[in-house]
Amino acid sequence: MKESREQRRKRILERAKEGLTEAYSSSDHSISQAINAYKEIEKMKGLVFERLEEWYSIYFPEIRIGSHEAYSRIIMSIGKRSDASEQLLTDLIGDKGKKVYEAMQSSYAKRDMEEKEYKAVKELAGMELQLDDIEAKLDSYLENEVKRTMPNIAYLIDYRIAAELLGKAGSLQRLATMPSGTVQLLGAEKALFKHIKFGSKPPKYGVLFKLYAVTNAARGKRGRIARAYATKICIAARADAFSKRFIADKLKEQLDKTVEAINKEK
């Protein structure tokens, strides 16, 4: 019996629903959302810290700490410049505390914050610490989930980079069916489009540039190392998606030898 238009419509809709149900029932979607959230939190932290440091340094320019968390805790603990003591600074930042306190004695900054202003700065510092806490929890979730879902890939590369690749691919199965050249360029879509449209130099890597082995390699060897990683990641992805066998130890051994050989070339 020939299928009517309405029956065909219902059948297509049903298949689409089944596909969505299957996609959302796996951990792929959760990992993609988590890594996107992690990256957004990272950006927010940078923006909040930039504003916080610029504001607080008006009154306390002697404090220069790379750690967002440590800087925020200093603001929460010390507060106004007039409340800072050598002992308190030493308790918070160790040996640097004495140097900071000595620098304060001859500093151009003498004015203290008003109470209302300090409350506003303290709120900003509190937000930075909250973002730190959220980021740490997301990071813990990502590490556990990626290593559970993609044990082979996570053995070869950092779990955050693995999560980014998964997010760019859309799913583990899609990642597993991609050719190595495509995996190598995941995350470089804008550069690739620019190359196709305007004839600029083609990209050699995307997300994989974050790998230590790629970043720290000689400029002319980075593309080849990224390709070596992409090739092994593809094999690892197929094992994670289909066979469920752990083969990453052998892949890692082969990969290390390949990277070492590339780096030794003149």
Protein backbone atom coordinates (compact mmCIF):
# COMPACT_ATOMS: atom_id res chain seq x y z
CA MET A 1 0.00 0.00 0.00
CA LYS A 2 1.37 3.37 -1.02
CA GLU A 3 2.27 5.67 1.84
CA SER A 4 0.21 8.87 2.00
CA ARG A 5 1.79 12.30 2.36
CA GLU A 6 0.55 12.57 5.96
CA GLN A 7 1.92 9.13 6.87
CA ARG A 8 5.25 10.02 5.32
CA ARG A 9 5.36 13.28 7.29
CA LYS A 10 4.64 11.45 10.55
CA ARG A 11 7.27 8.80 9.79
CA ILE A 12 9.94 11.44 9.09
CA LEU A 13 9.03 13.34 12.25
CA GLU A 14 9.19 10.14 14.29
CA ARG A 15 12.64 9.32 12.93
CA ALA A 16 13.81 12.86 13.69
CA LYS A 17 12.53 12.53 17.28
CA GLU A 18 14.30 9.20 17.67
CA GLY A 19 17.51 10.76 16.40
CA LEU A 20 17.24 13.64 18.85
CA THR A 21 16.46 11.28 21.72
CA GLU A 22 19.50 9.18 20.89
CA ALA A 23 21.74 12.24 20.58
CA TYR A 24 20.65 13.75 23.90
CA SER A 25 20.76 10.42 25.76
CA SER A 26 24.52 10.10 25.17
CA SER A 27 27.13 12.06 27.08
CA ASP A 28 28.41 13.69 23.86
CA HIS A 29 25.96 16.56 24.12
CA SER A 30 26.75 17.10 27.82
CA ILE A 31 30.49 17.26 27.14
CA SER A 32 29.94 19.74 24.30
CA GLN A 33 27.85 21.98 26.55
CA ALA A 34 30.30 21.69 29.43
CA ILE A 35 33.36 22.64 27.36
CA ASN A 36 31.51 25.60 25.83
CA ALA A 37 30.49 26.74 29.31
CA TYR A 38 34.06 26.27 30.55
CA LYS A 39 35.47 28.44 27.76
CA GLU A 40 32.86 31.15 28.38
CA ILE A 41 33.62 31.15 32.11
CA GLU A 42 37.32 31.45 31.25
CA LYS A 43 36.62 34.54 29.13
CA MET A 44 34.41 36.06 31.83
CA LYS A 45 37.11 35.50 34.43
CA GLY A 46 39.63 37.32 32.27
CA LEU A 47 37.33 40.30 31.77
CA VAL A 48 36.35 40.54 35.44
CA PHE A 49 39.98 40.25 36.60
CA GLU A 50 41.14 42.88 34.12
CA ARG A 51 38.59 45.35 35.47
CA LEU A 52 39.25 44.34 39.09
CA GLU A 53 43.03 44.74 38.84
CA GLU A 54 42.76 48.07 37.04
CA TRP A 55 40.36 49.41 39.68
CA TYR A 56 42.12 48.12 42.81
CA SER A 57 45.58 49.11 41.55
CA ILE A 58 44.55 52.77 41.75
CA TYR A 59 44.76 52.38 45.52
CA PHE A 60 47.15 49.42 45.81
CA PRO A 61 49.55 49.47 42.82
CA GLU A 62 52.24 47.49 44.67
CA ILE A 63 50.33 44.22 44.43
CA ARG A 64 51.14 42.39 41.21
CA ILE A 65 50.03 38.76 41.24
CA GLY A 66 49.33 36.59 38.20
CA SER A 67 46.81 34.43 40.03
CA HIS A 68 43.23 35.69 39.70
CA GLU A 69 42.20 33.79 42.80
CA ALA A 70 45.06 35.06 44.99
CA TYR A 71 44.46 38.68 43.92
CA SER A 72 40.75 38.41 44.67
CA ARG A 73 41.41 36.87 48.08
CA ILE A 74 43.76 39.73 48.94
CA ILE A 75 40.99 42.21 48.17
CA MET A 76 38.52 40.23 50.25
CA SER A 77 40.94 39.88 53.18
CA ILE A 78 42.81 43.19 53.24
CA GLY A 79 40.31 45.54 51.74
CA LYS A 80 41.45 49.11 52.19
CA ARG A 81 45.09 50.11 51.89
CA SER A 82 45.12 51.42 55.45
CA ASP A 83 44.16 47.94 56.73
CA ALA A 84 47.22 46.25 55.20
CA SER A 85 49.95 45.15 57.58
CA GLU A 86 53.24 43.38 56.92
CA GLN A 87 52.04 40.30 58.77
CA LEU A 88 48.72 40.13 56.92
CA LEU A 89 50.43 40.52 53.54
CA THR A 90 52.97 37.83 54.44
CA ASP A 91 50.19 35.46 55.50
CA LEU A 92 48.43 35.98 52.17
CA ILE A 93 51.29 36.04 49.64
CA GLY A 94 54.28 34.64 51.52
CA ASP A 95 57.74 36.18 51.18
CA LYS A 96 56.49 38.77 48.68
CA GLY A 97 54.40 40.30 51.47
CA LYS A 98 57.40 42.02 53.08
CA LYS A 99 58.53 43.54 49.76
CA VAL A 100 55.01 44.77 49.03
CA TYR A 101 54.75 46.35 52.46
CA GLU A 102 58.13 48.08 52.06
CA ALA A 103 57.10 49.39 48.64
CA MET A 104 53.93 50.80 50.17
CA GLN A 105 55.93 53.12 52.41
CA SER A 106 57.36 55.06 49.45
CA SER A 107 54.43 54.65 47.06
CA TYR A 108 52.66 57.50 45.29
CA ALA A 109 49.34 55.90 46.21
CA LYS A 110 48.24 57.28 49.55
CA ARG A 111 44.49 57.73 49.16
CA ASP A 112 42.17 55.10 50.60
CA MET A 113 38.91 53.87 49.13
CA GLU A 114 35.66 55.06 50.57
CA GLU A 115 33.53 52.37 52.17
CA LYS A 116 30.94 52.34 49.38
CA GLU A 117 33.62 51.98 46.74
CA TYR A 118 35.32 49.16 48.61
CA LYS A 119 32.01 47.30 48.84
CA ALA A 120 31.68 47.51 45.05
CA VAL A 121 35.25 46.27 44.50
CA LYS A 122 34.68 43.50 47.04
CA GLU A 123 31.58 42.37 45.13
CA LEU A 124 33.67 42.17 41.99
CA ALA A 125 36.34 40.14 43.78
CA GLY A 126 33.62 37.84 45.13
CA MET A 127 32.34 37.32 41.58
CA GLU A 128 35.84 36.36 40.44
CA LEU A 129 36.08 33.76 43.21
CA GLN A 130 32.64 32.40 42.32
CA LEU A 131 33.71 32.04 38.69
CA ASP A 132 36.86 30.24 39.87
CA ASP A 133 34.71 27.79 41.80
CA ILE A 134 32.34 27.19 38.85
CA GLU A 135 35.29 26.70 36.51
CA ALA A 136 36.89 24.16 38.88
CA LYS A 137 33.65 22.16 39.10
CA LEU A 138 33.19 22.21 35.32
CA ASP A 139 36.80 21.13 34.89
CA SER A 140 36.31 18.21 37.28
CA TYR A 141 33.15 17.14 35.44
CA LEU A 142 34.90 17.37 32.06
CA GLU A 143 37.89 15.34 33.19
CA ASN A 144 35.73 12.52 34.56
CA GLU A 145 33.24 12.48 31.68
CA VAL A 146 35.77 12.75 28.86
CA LYS A 147 37.95 10.00 30.31
CA ARG A 148 34.87 7.80 30.71
CA THR A 149 33.40 8.51 27.27
CA MET A 150 36.61 8.82 25.25
CA PRO A 151 39.30 6.88 27.14
CA ASN A 152 41.50 6.37 24.10
CA ILE A 153 41.44 9.99 22.94
CA ALA A 154 41.85 11.29 26.51
CA TYR A 155 44.96 9.10 26.86
CA LEU A 156 46.54 10.70 23.79
CA ILE A 157 45.70 14.34 24.45
CA ASP A 158 44.51 16.65 27.24
CA TYR A 159 40.88 16.00 28.14
CA ARG A 160 39.91 19.65 27.53
CA ILE A 161 41.29 19.53 23.99
CA ALA A 162 39.49 16.22 23.49
CA ALA A 163 36.24 17.87 24.64
CA GLU A 164 36.78 20.77 22.23
CA LEU A 165 37.28 18.37 19.33
CA LEU A 166 34.10 16.56 20.27
CA GLY A 167 32.21 19.85 20.48
CA LYS A 168 33.47 20.93 17.06
CA ALA A 169 32.64 17.54 15.50
CA GLY A 170 29.17 17.41 17.06
CA SER A 171 29.37 13.85 18.36
CA LEU A 172 31.84 11.06 19.01
CA GLN A 173 30.50 9.05 16.07
CA ARG A 174 30.96 11.98 13.70
CA LEU A 175 34.47 12.51 15.01
CA ALA A 176 35.20 8.81 14.48
CA THR A 177 34.13 8.95 10.83
CA MET A 178 36.05 12.10 9.92
CA PRO A 179 39.27 11.88 7.88
CA SER A 180 42.42 12.94 9.69
CA GLY A 181 42.76 16.07 7.56
CA THR A 182 39.37 17.29 8.79
CA VAL A 183 40.18 16.52 12.43
CA GLN A 184 43.45 18.41 12.04
CA LEU A 185 41.55 21.55 10.98
CA LEU A 186 38.69 21.41 13.51
CA GLY A 187 38.55 24.85 15.09
CA ALA A 188 40.17 26.57 12.09
CA GLU A 189 36.95 27.02 10.14
CA LYS A 190 37.30 30.81 9.83
CA ALA A 191 40.86 30.55 8.53
CA LEU A 192 39.81 27.82 6.10
CA PHE A 193 36.92 29.94 4.80
CA LYS A 194 39.29 32.89 4.39
CA HIS A 195 41.68 30.66 2.43
CA ILE A 196 38.90 29.43 0.12
CA LYS A 197 37.37 32.86 -0.42
CA PHE A 198 40.41 35.13 -0.55
CA GLY A 199 43.27 32.77 -1.35
CA SER A 200 45.17 33.36 1.89
CA LYS A 201 47.52 30.69 3.28
CA PRO A 202 45.66 27.51 4.25
CA PRO A 203 45.53 26.70 7.98
CA LYS A 204 47.65 23.79 9.26
CA TYR A 205 45.82 23.18 12.52
CA GLY A 206 42.88 24.31 14.61
CA VAL A 207 42.21 23.14 18.16
CA LEU A 208 45.27 20.87 17.94
CA PHE A 209 47.53 23.93 18.10
CA LYS A 210 46.89 23.89 21.87
CA LEU A 211 48.82 20.64 22.16
CA TYR A 212 52.18 21.14 23.86
CA ALA A 213 53.94 19.07 21.18
CA VAL A 214 52.56 21.35 18.44
CA THR A 215 52.96 24.71 20.18
CA ASN A 216 56.57 24.05 21.21
CA ALA A 217 57.71 22.56 17.91
CA ALA A 218 59.71 24.49 15.32
CA ARG A 219 57.42 26.58 13.13
CA GLY A 220 57.96 24.47 10.02
CA LYS A 221 57.21 21.22 11.82
CA ARG A 222 53.97 22.11 13.60
CA GLY A 223 51.71 21.13 10.72
CA ARG A 224 53.26 17.68 10.37
CA ILE A 225 53.05 17.04 14.11
CA ALA A 226 49.41 18.16 14.13
CA ARG A 227 48.73 15.73 11.26
CA ALA A 228 50.42 12.90 13.18
CA TYR A 229 48.19 13.60 16.18
CA ALA A 230 45.07 13.88 14.01
CA THR A 231 45.79 10.48 12.45
CA LYS A 232 46.09 8.74 15.83
CA ILE A 233 43.09 10.62 17.24
CA CYS A 234 40.96 9.30 14.38
CA ILE A 235 41.98 5.72 15.19
CA ALA A 236 41.37 6.34 18.90
CA ALA A 237 37.96 7.86 18.15
CA ARG A 238 36.87 4.79 16.19
CA ALA A 239 37.89 2.58 19.10
CA ASP A 240 35.99 4.78 21.56
CA ALA A 241 32.88 4.99 19.37
CA PHE A 242 32.63 1.46 17.98
CA SER A 243 34.93 -1.30 19.24
CA LYS A 244 35.19 0.06 22.83
CA ARG A 245 38.67 -1.46 23.09
CA PHE A 246 41.54 0.38 24.77
CA ILE A 247 44.36 0.73 22.26
CA ALA A 248 45.70 4.14 23.19
CA ASP A 249 48.86 2.87 24.89
CA LYS A 250 50.12 1.45 21.59
CA LEU A 251 48.97 4.53 19.68
CA LYS A 252 50.77 6.80 22.14
CA GLU A 253 53.98 4.85 21.77
CA GLN A 254 53.81 5.13 17.97
CA LEU A 255 52.87 8.80 18.15
CA ASP A 256 55.76 9.69 20.46
CA LYS A 257 58.21 8.02 18.07
CA THR A 258 56.75 9.88 15.08
CA VAL A 259 56.88 13.26 16.84
CA GLU A 260 60.42 12.60 18.03
CA ALA A 261 61.51 11.72 14.48
CA ILE A 262 59.93 14.90 13.07
CA ASN A 263 61.63 17.07 15.71
CA LYS A 264 65.03 15.48 14.98
CA GLU A 265 64.85 16.30 11.29
CA LYS A 266 66.94 19.23 10.13
